[in-house]
């Protein structure tokens, strides 16, 4: 599995990723990626310093099936498979809209 970072999804804006639902693979389009500055608290001297990259991804999916807010395997072409929490935040006449947040 490749390292998970915003670059993986930014390369896919306007392109599809595949979410393995309970009964079928659901194809979703990457619409937006927003990077968030994440500053880990300072670690004691001599400890491994951790810097995390936070980001969110907005996906546009089909009206059916609608995925429950759960952790799913998400296949990102040229970016590997990642187990991510996918949550629907809106629905309109054309699509269901989902968000992935990585802290």
Protein backbone atom coordinates (compact mmCIF):
# COMPACT_ATOMS: atom_id res chain seq x y z
CA UNK A 1 0.00 0.00 0.00
CA UNK A 2 1.28 3.44 -0.92
CA UNK A 3 1.59 6.19 1.68
CA UNK A 4 -1.66 8.06 2.09
CA UNK A 5 -1.41 11.77 1.29
CA UNK A 6 -3.36 14.53 -0.46
CA UNK A 7 -1.26 14.23 -3.63
CA UNK A 8 -2.77 10.81 -4.35
CA UNK A 9 -6.25 12.33 -4.54
CA UNK A 10 -5.25 15.64 -6.16
CA UNK A 11 -3.99 13.67 -9.15
CA UNK A 12 -7.47 12.14 -9.42
CA UNK A 13 -9.57 15.35 -9.41
CA UNK A 14 -12.14 14.87 -12.16
CA UNK A 15 -11.37 11.15 -12.28
CA UNK A 16 -12.80 8.08 -10.59
CA UNK A 17 -11.93 6.06 -7.50
CA UNK A 18 -13.63 2.82 -6.51
CA UNK A 19 -15.21 2.20 -3.10
CA UNK A 20 -15.89 -1.42 -2.15
CA UNK A 21 -19.39 -1.35 -0.69
CA UNK A 22 -21.12 -4.29 1.00
CA UNK A 23 -22.60 -5.69 -2.20
CA UNK A 24 -20.80 -3.93 -5.04
CA UNK A 25 -17.99 -1.65 -6.06
CA UNK A 26 -19.24 1.94 -6.18
CA UNK A 27 -17.46 4.25 -8.60
CA UNK A 28 -17.12 7.84 -7.37
CA UNK A 29 -15.60 10.95 -8.93
CA UNK A 30 -13.03 13.01 -6.99
CA UNK A 31 -14.39 16.57 -6.95
CA UNK A 32 -12.19 18.47 -4.50
CA UNK A 33 -9.20 18.02 -2.20
CA UNK A 34 -8.56 20.47 0.64
CA UNK A 35 -5.29 20.38 2.55
CA UNK A 36 -5.29 21.21 6.24
CA UNK A 37 -2.30 22.27 8.27
CA UNK A 38 -1.86 19.74 11.04
CA UNK A 39 0.70 20.48 13.68
CA UNK A 40 1.46 17.61 16.01
CA UNK A 41 2.36 18.71 19.54
CA UNK A 42 6.11 18.95 20.19
CA UNK A 43 7.65 15.68 21.33
CA UNK A 44 10.22 15.36 24.13
CA UNK A 45 13.84 15.80 23.11
CA UNK A 46 15.15 12.65 21.48
CA UNK A 47 11.69 11.35 20.56
CA UNK A 48 10.61 10.82 16.98
CA UNK A 49 9.11 14.06 15.66
CA UNK A 50 5.82 13.45 13.89
CA UNK A 51 4.34 15.78 11.31
CA UNK A 52 0.97 14.72 10.00
CA UNK A 53 -0.72 15.99 6.86
CA UNK A 54 -4.44 16.50 7.18
CA UNK A 55 -6.77 16.77 4.21
CA UNK A 56 -10.31 16.14 3.06
CA UNK A 57 -11.65 14.72 -0.19
CA UNK A 58 -15.09 15.40 -1.68
CA UNK A 59 -16.50 12.61 -3.86
CA UNK A 60 -19.54 12.52 -6.14
CA UNK A 61 -21.26 9.15 -6.31
CA UNK A 62 -24.39 7.55 -7.74
CA UNK A 63 -27.82 7.95 -6.15
CA UNK A 64 -28.01 4.18 -5.75
CA UNK A 65 -26.55 2.57 -3.79
CA UNK A 66 -26.04 5.13 -1.05
CA UNK A 67 -23.24 4.05 1.27
CA UNK A 68 -23.68 4.15 5.03
CA UNK A 69 -21.03 6.16 6.91
CA UNK A 70 -18.43 3.44 7.47
CA UNK A 71 -14.83 2.54 6.74
CA UNK A 72 -14.44 1.08 3.25
CA UNK A 73 -11.58 -0.10 1.05
CA UNK A 74 -11.03 2.74 -1.44
CA UNK A 75 -9.07 1.83 -4.58
CA UNK A 76 -7.24 4.82 -6.03
CA UNK A 77 -5.77 4.04 -9.45
CA UNK A 78 -2.01 4.67 -9.29
CA UNK A 79 -2.44 5.40 -5.57
CA UNK A 80 -3.13 2.03 -3.97
CA UNK A 81 -5.91 0.76 -1.74
CA UNK A 82 -6.68 2.56 1.52
CA UNK A 83 -9.23 1.80 4.23
CA UNK A 84 -10.99 5.13 4.78
CA UNK A 85 -14.08 6.45 6.53
CA UNK A 86 -16.49 7.60 3.81
CA UNK A 87 -19.50 9.68 4.87
CA UNK A 88 -22.35 11.12 2.81
CA UNK A 89 -22.96 14.81 3.54
CA UNK A 90 -25.47 15.77 0.81
CA UNK A 91 -27.64 14.44 -1.96
CA UNK A 92 -29.25 16.21 -4.91
CA UNK A 93 -31.23 15.08 -7.95
CA UNK A 94 -28.04 13.99 -9.73
CA UNK A 95 -25.72 12.47 -7.14
CA UNK A 96 -24.86 11.55 -3.59
CA UNK A 97 -21.95 13.60 -2.21
CA UNK A 98 -19.40 12.08 0.17
CA UNK A 99 -16.43 13.25 2.20
CA UNK A 100 -13.28 11.54 3.40
CA UNK A 101 -11.36 13.33 6.17
CA UNK A 102 -7.78 12.37 6.99
CA UNK A 103 -6.26 13.96 10.11
